[in-house]
Amino acid sequence: MKDRSVFRETYHNYLDRLRGLDPAGLATPLGVEMVDGVAVIPLLGESFRVSGDGIADAAGKRPTLDVCVILANYLLRCPAESPAADDWATYYGLKDAGPLAVYFKQDVERAIASAFAGRIDALQAAGRAIDGRPAETDVACDLALSFSALPKVPLMLLFNDRDEEFSATVTVLFEQRAEAYLDPECLAMLGRHLFARLTA
């Protein structure tokens, strides 16, 4: 009961803040579609409608709290100008990500690696199901997938499968400019949402 109360309070606090935004100023720097003042935002293969009146998926249902927080912050942090595409960085290389580094390593990268160890074909299929595509990278790995997690916030997943000596490993990369769109907590939540979508 307490969790529901916290969800409601957090959710409505974000809606109050979203009502203060000028929708016309969001489309260009974020690259999202605006329909009658409502932002239509793709997130890892799903589409959400976001405004001060509510956040809903394609079926009209309110998504989980983490998705609501990611989408609301994405709009609220909208930069005045779109940063150019930038170099790839690990989560740990992003500004102020240190306090959540252990969480990201354990609950995102190791969680994905454990779920798909010995199952590289399953990871490829799960990636395709959420619009993941083969990625070009100079890093040696068994599989590289890129995802348009949010408009202008791509992710890259590098997977090395287990062998006789080593466990499976995953590295999730962000473009450095992701810092302009989401804070470290939301980027960590985005990584966890990637795990949830891949294993759904």
Protein backbone atom coordinates (compact mmCIF):
# COMPACT_ATOMS: atom_id res chain seq x y z
CA MET A 1 0.00 0.00 0.00
CA LYS A 2 2.85 2.36 0.86
CA ASP A 3 4.54 1.58 -2.48
CA ARG A 4 1.38 2.53 -4.35
CA SER A 5 1.17 5.78 -2.41
CA VAL A 6 4.80 6.63 -3.22
CA PHE A 7 4.19 5.76 -6.88
CA ARG A 8 1.15 8.03 -7.03
CA GLU A 9 2.93 10.91 -5.32
CA THR A 10 6.02 10.65 -7.49
CA TYR A 11 3.96 10.26 -10.65
CA HIS A 12 1.79 13.30 -9.95
CA ASN A 13 4.80 15.40 -8.97
CA TYR A 14 6.26 14.70 -12.40
CA LEU A 15 2.97 15.54 -14.11
CA ASP A 16 2.89 18.89 -12.30
CA ARG A 17 6.38 19.66 -13.61
CA LEU A 18 5.53 18.51 -17.13
CA ARG A 19 2.58 20.93 -17.24
CA GLY A 20 5.07 23.80 -17.06
CA LEU A 21 6.83 22.79 -20.28
CA ASP A 22 6.36 24.42 -23.67
CA PRO A 23 5.67 21.47 -26.03
CA ALA A 24 6.74 23.49 -29.08
CA GLY A 25 10.26 23.78 -27.69
CA LEU A 26 10.77 20.01 -27.28
CA ALA A 27 10.38 18.54 -30.75
CA THR A 28 13.58 19.81 -32.39
CA PRO A 29 16.22 19.28 -29.66
CA LEU A 30 14.78 15.90 -28.65
CA GLY A 31 13.69 14.66 -32.04
CA VAL A 32 10.32 13.46 -30.77
CA GLU A 33 6.94 13.73 -32.45
CA MET A 34 4.49 16.16 -30.85
CA VAL A 35 0.76 15.53 -31.38
CA ASP A 36 -1.63 18.11 -29.91
CA GLY A 37 0.84 18.99 -27.17
CA VAL A 38 1.58 15.36 -26.34
CA ALA A 39 5.06 13.94 -26.84
CA VAL A 40 5.09 10.55 -28.57
CA ILE A 41 8.32 8.91 -27.40
CA PRO A 42 9.73 5.56 -28.55
CA LEU A 43 11.54 3.66 -25.79
CA LEU A 44 13.28 0.38 -26.67
CA GLY A 45 10.69 -0.79 -29.14
CA GLU A 46 7.61 0.59 -27.39
CA SER A 47 5.81 3.91 -27.88
CA PHE A 48 4.56 6.16 -25.06
CA ARG A 49 2.47 9.34 -24.95
CA VAL A 50 3.73 11.84 -22.39
CA SER A 51 2.25 15.14 -21.21
CA GLY A 52 1.19 16.90 -18.03
CA ASP A 53 -2.09 15.00 -18.26
CA GLY A 54 -0.48 11.59 -17.99
CA ILE A 55 1.95 8.99 -19.30
CA ALA A 56 0.56 6.02 -21.20
CA ASP A 57 1.67 3.19 -23.45
CA ALA A 58 0.13 2.39 -26.85
CA ALA A 59 -2.75 0.60 -25.12
CA GLY A 60 -3.49 3.62 -22.92
CA LYS A 61 -2.11 2.03 -19.74
CA ARG A 62 0.22 3.75 -17.30
CA PRO A 63 3.68 2.15 -17.46
CA THR A 64 5.84 1.15 -14.52
CA LEU A 65 7.30 3.86 -12.30
CA ASP A 66 10.81 3.49 -13.73
CA VAL A 67 9.52 4.07 -17.26
CA CYS A 68 7.51 7.09 -16.09
CA VAL A 69 10.59 8.56 -14.40
CA ILE A 70 12.81 8.00 -17.45
CA LEU A 71 10.30 9.58 -19.86
CA ALA A 72 9.46 12.53 -17.61
CA ASN A 73 13.10 13.36 -16.98
CA TYR A 74 13.89 13.02 -20.68
CA LEU A 75 11.43 15.84 -21.38
CA LEU A 76 12.27 17.93 -18.32
CA ARG A 77 16.02 17.91 -19.05
CA CYS A 78 15.56 18.82 -22.72
CA PRO A 79 18.72 20.72 -23.79
CA ALA A 80 18.37 24.06 -25.56
CA GLU A 81 20.25 22.61 -28.54
CA SER A 82 20.86 19.02 -29.62
CA PRO A 83 24.42 17.91 -28.79
CA ALA A 84 26.22 16.33 -31.72
CA ALA A 85 26.74 12.58 -31.77
CA ASP A 86 29.71 11.76 -29.57
CA ASP A 87 32.14 9.03 -28.60
CA TRP A 88 30.91 5.90 -26.83
CA ALA A 89 31.53 5.56 -23.10
CA THR A 90 30.84 2.98 -20.44
CA TYR A 91 28.34 3.90 -17.76
CA TYR A 92 31.27 4.33 -15.37
CA GLY A 93 32.82 6.92 -17.69
CA LEU A 94 29.79 9.21 -17.47
CA LYS A 95 29.76 12.21 -15.16
CA ASP A 96 28.63 11.52 -11.57
CA ALA A 97 27.86 7.86 -12.32
CA GLY A 98 30.14 6.55 -9.55
CA PRO A 99 27.53 6.04 -6.80
CA LEU A 100 25.51 3.71 -9.05
CA ALA A 101 28.43 1.90 -10.66
CA VAL A 102 28.03 -1.25 -8.57
CA TYR A 103 24.29 -1.34 -9.24
CA PHE A 104 24.85 -0.95 -12.99
CA LYS A 105 27.49 -3.66 -13.10
CA GLN A 106 25.40 -6.13 -11.07
CA ASP A 107 21.81 -5.40 -12.08
CA VAL A 108 22.36 -4.50 -15.72
CA GLU A 109 25.53 -5.93 -17.25
CA ARG A 110 25.95 -9.08 -15.16
CA ALA A 111 22.20 -9.67 -15.20
CA ILE A 112 22.09 -9.63 -19.01
CA ALA A 113 25.24 -11.76 -19.27
CA SER A 114 23.81 -14.36 -16.87
CA ALA A 115 20.45 -14.46 -18.67
CA PHE A 116 22.02 -15.14 -22.06
CA ALA A 117 25.17 -17.13 -21.23
CA GLY A 118 25.40 -19.92 -23.80
CA ARG A 119 22.37 -18.44 -25.61
CA ILE A 120 23.80 -15.96 -28.12
CA ASP A 121 21.07 -16.73 -30.66
CA ALA A 122 18.43 -15.96 -28.03
CA LEU A 123 20.11 -12.62 -27.31
CA GLN A 124 20.13 -11.76 -31.02
CA ALA A 125 16.43 -12.61 -31.27
CA ALA A 126 15.56 -10.66 -28.11
CA GLY A 127 17.50 -7.68 -29.44
CA ARG A 128 15.71 -7.76 -32.80
CA ALA A 129 12.35 -7.85 -31.00
CA ILE A 130 13.06 -4.43 -29.47
CA ASP A 131 14.53 -2.92 -32.65
CA GLY A 132 18.15 -3.81 -31.87
CA ARG A 133 20.50 -4.01 -34.83
CA PRO A 134 23.98 -5.41 -35.43
CA ALA A 135 26.52 -2.74 -34.50
CA GLU A 136 29.90 -1.91 -35.96
CA THR A 137 32.64 -1.63 -33.36
CA ASP A 138 36.41 -1.96 -33.12
CA VAL A 139 36.00 -3.82 -29.82
CA ALA A 140 36.48 -7.58 -30.10
CA CYS A 141 33.30 -9.37 -28.97
CA ASP A 142 30.99 -12.21 -29.94
CA LEU A 143 27.99 -9.95 -30.54
CA ALA A 144 27.45 -6.20 -30.76
CA LEU A 145 23.94 -4.74 -30.85
CA SER A 146 22.84 -1.11 -31.07
CA PHE A 147 19.54 0.22 -29.76
CA SER A 148 17.81 3.56 -30.19
CA ALA A 149 16.79 3.57 -26.54
CA LEU A 150 15.30 7.06 -26.84
CA PRO A 151 15.58 9.59 -29.67
CA LYS A 152 19.21 10.78 -29.62
CA VAL A 153 20.07 8.41 -26.75
CA PRO A 154 21.43 5.25 -28.38
CA LEU A 155 22.87 2.28 -26.49
CA MET A 156 25.35 -0.36 -27.59
CA LEU A 157 25.55 -3.81 -26.02
CA LEU A 158 28.76 -5.83 -26.33
CA PHE A 159 28.44 -9.53 -25.46
CA ASN A 160 31.14 -12.13 -24.98
CA ASP A 161 29.78 -15.61 -24.39
CA ARG A 162 31.12 -17.99 -21.78
CA ASP A 163 33.83 -20.49 -22.62
CA GLU A 164 35.86 -23.06 -20.72
CA GLU A 165 37.81 -20.37 -18.86
CA PHE A 166 35.58 -17.33 -18.55
CA SER A 167 32.00 -16.46 -17.70
CA ALA A 168 29.83 -14.53 -20.16
CA THR A 169 30.28 -10.76 -19.98
CA VAL A 170 28.30 -7.75 -21.16
CA THR A 171 29.30 -4.12 -21.53
CA VAL A 172 26.63 -1.48 -22.15
CA LEU A 173 27.85 1.71 -23.82
CA PHE A 174 26.25 5.15 -24.04
CA GLU A 175 27.17 8.04 -26.26
CA GLN A 176 28.82 10.67 -24.07
CA ARG A 177 26.06 13.13 -24.99
CA ALA A 178 23.56 10.96 -23.06
CA GLU A 179 24.51 13.10 -20.04
CA ALA A 180 22.65 16.01 -21.66
CA TYR A 181 19.40 14.05 -21.81
CA LEU A 182 19.26 11.99 -18.60
CA ASP A 183 20.95 12.08 -15.20
CA PRO A 184 23.03 9.10 -13.98
CA GLU A 185 20.12 7.60 -12.03
CA CYS A 186 17.85 7.62 -15.08
CA LEU A 187 20.62 6.22 -17.29
CA ALA A 188 21.03 3.37 -14.81
CA MET A 189 17.27 2.82 -14.89
CA LEU A 190 17.43 2.83 -18.69
CA GLY A 191 20.05 0.09 -18.55
CA ARG A 192 17.88 -1.95 -16.21
CA HIS A 193 14.91 -1.42 -18.53
CA LEU A 194 17.04 -2.80 -21.36
CA PHE A 195 17.54 -5.97 -19.30
CA ALA A 196 13.80 -6.16 -18.59
CA ARG A 197 12.89 -5.79 -22.27
CA LEU A 198 15.46 -8.35 -23.41
CA THR A 199 14.26 -10.93 -20.90
CA ALA A 200 10.50 -10.27 -21.15
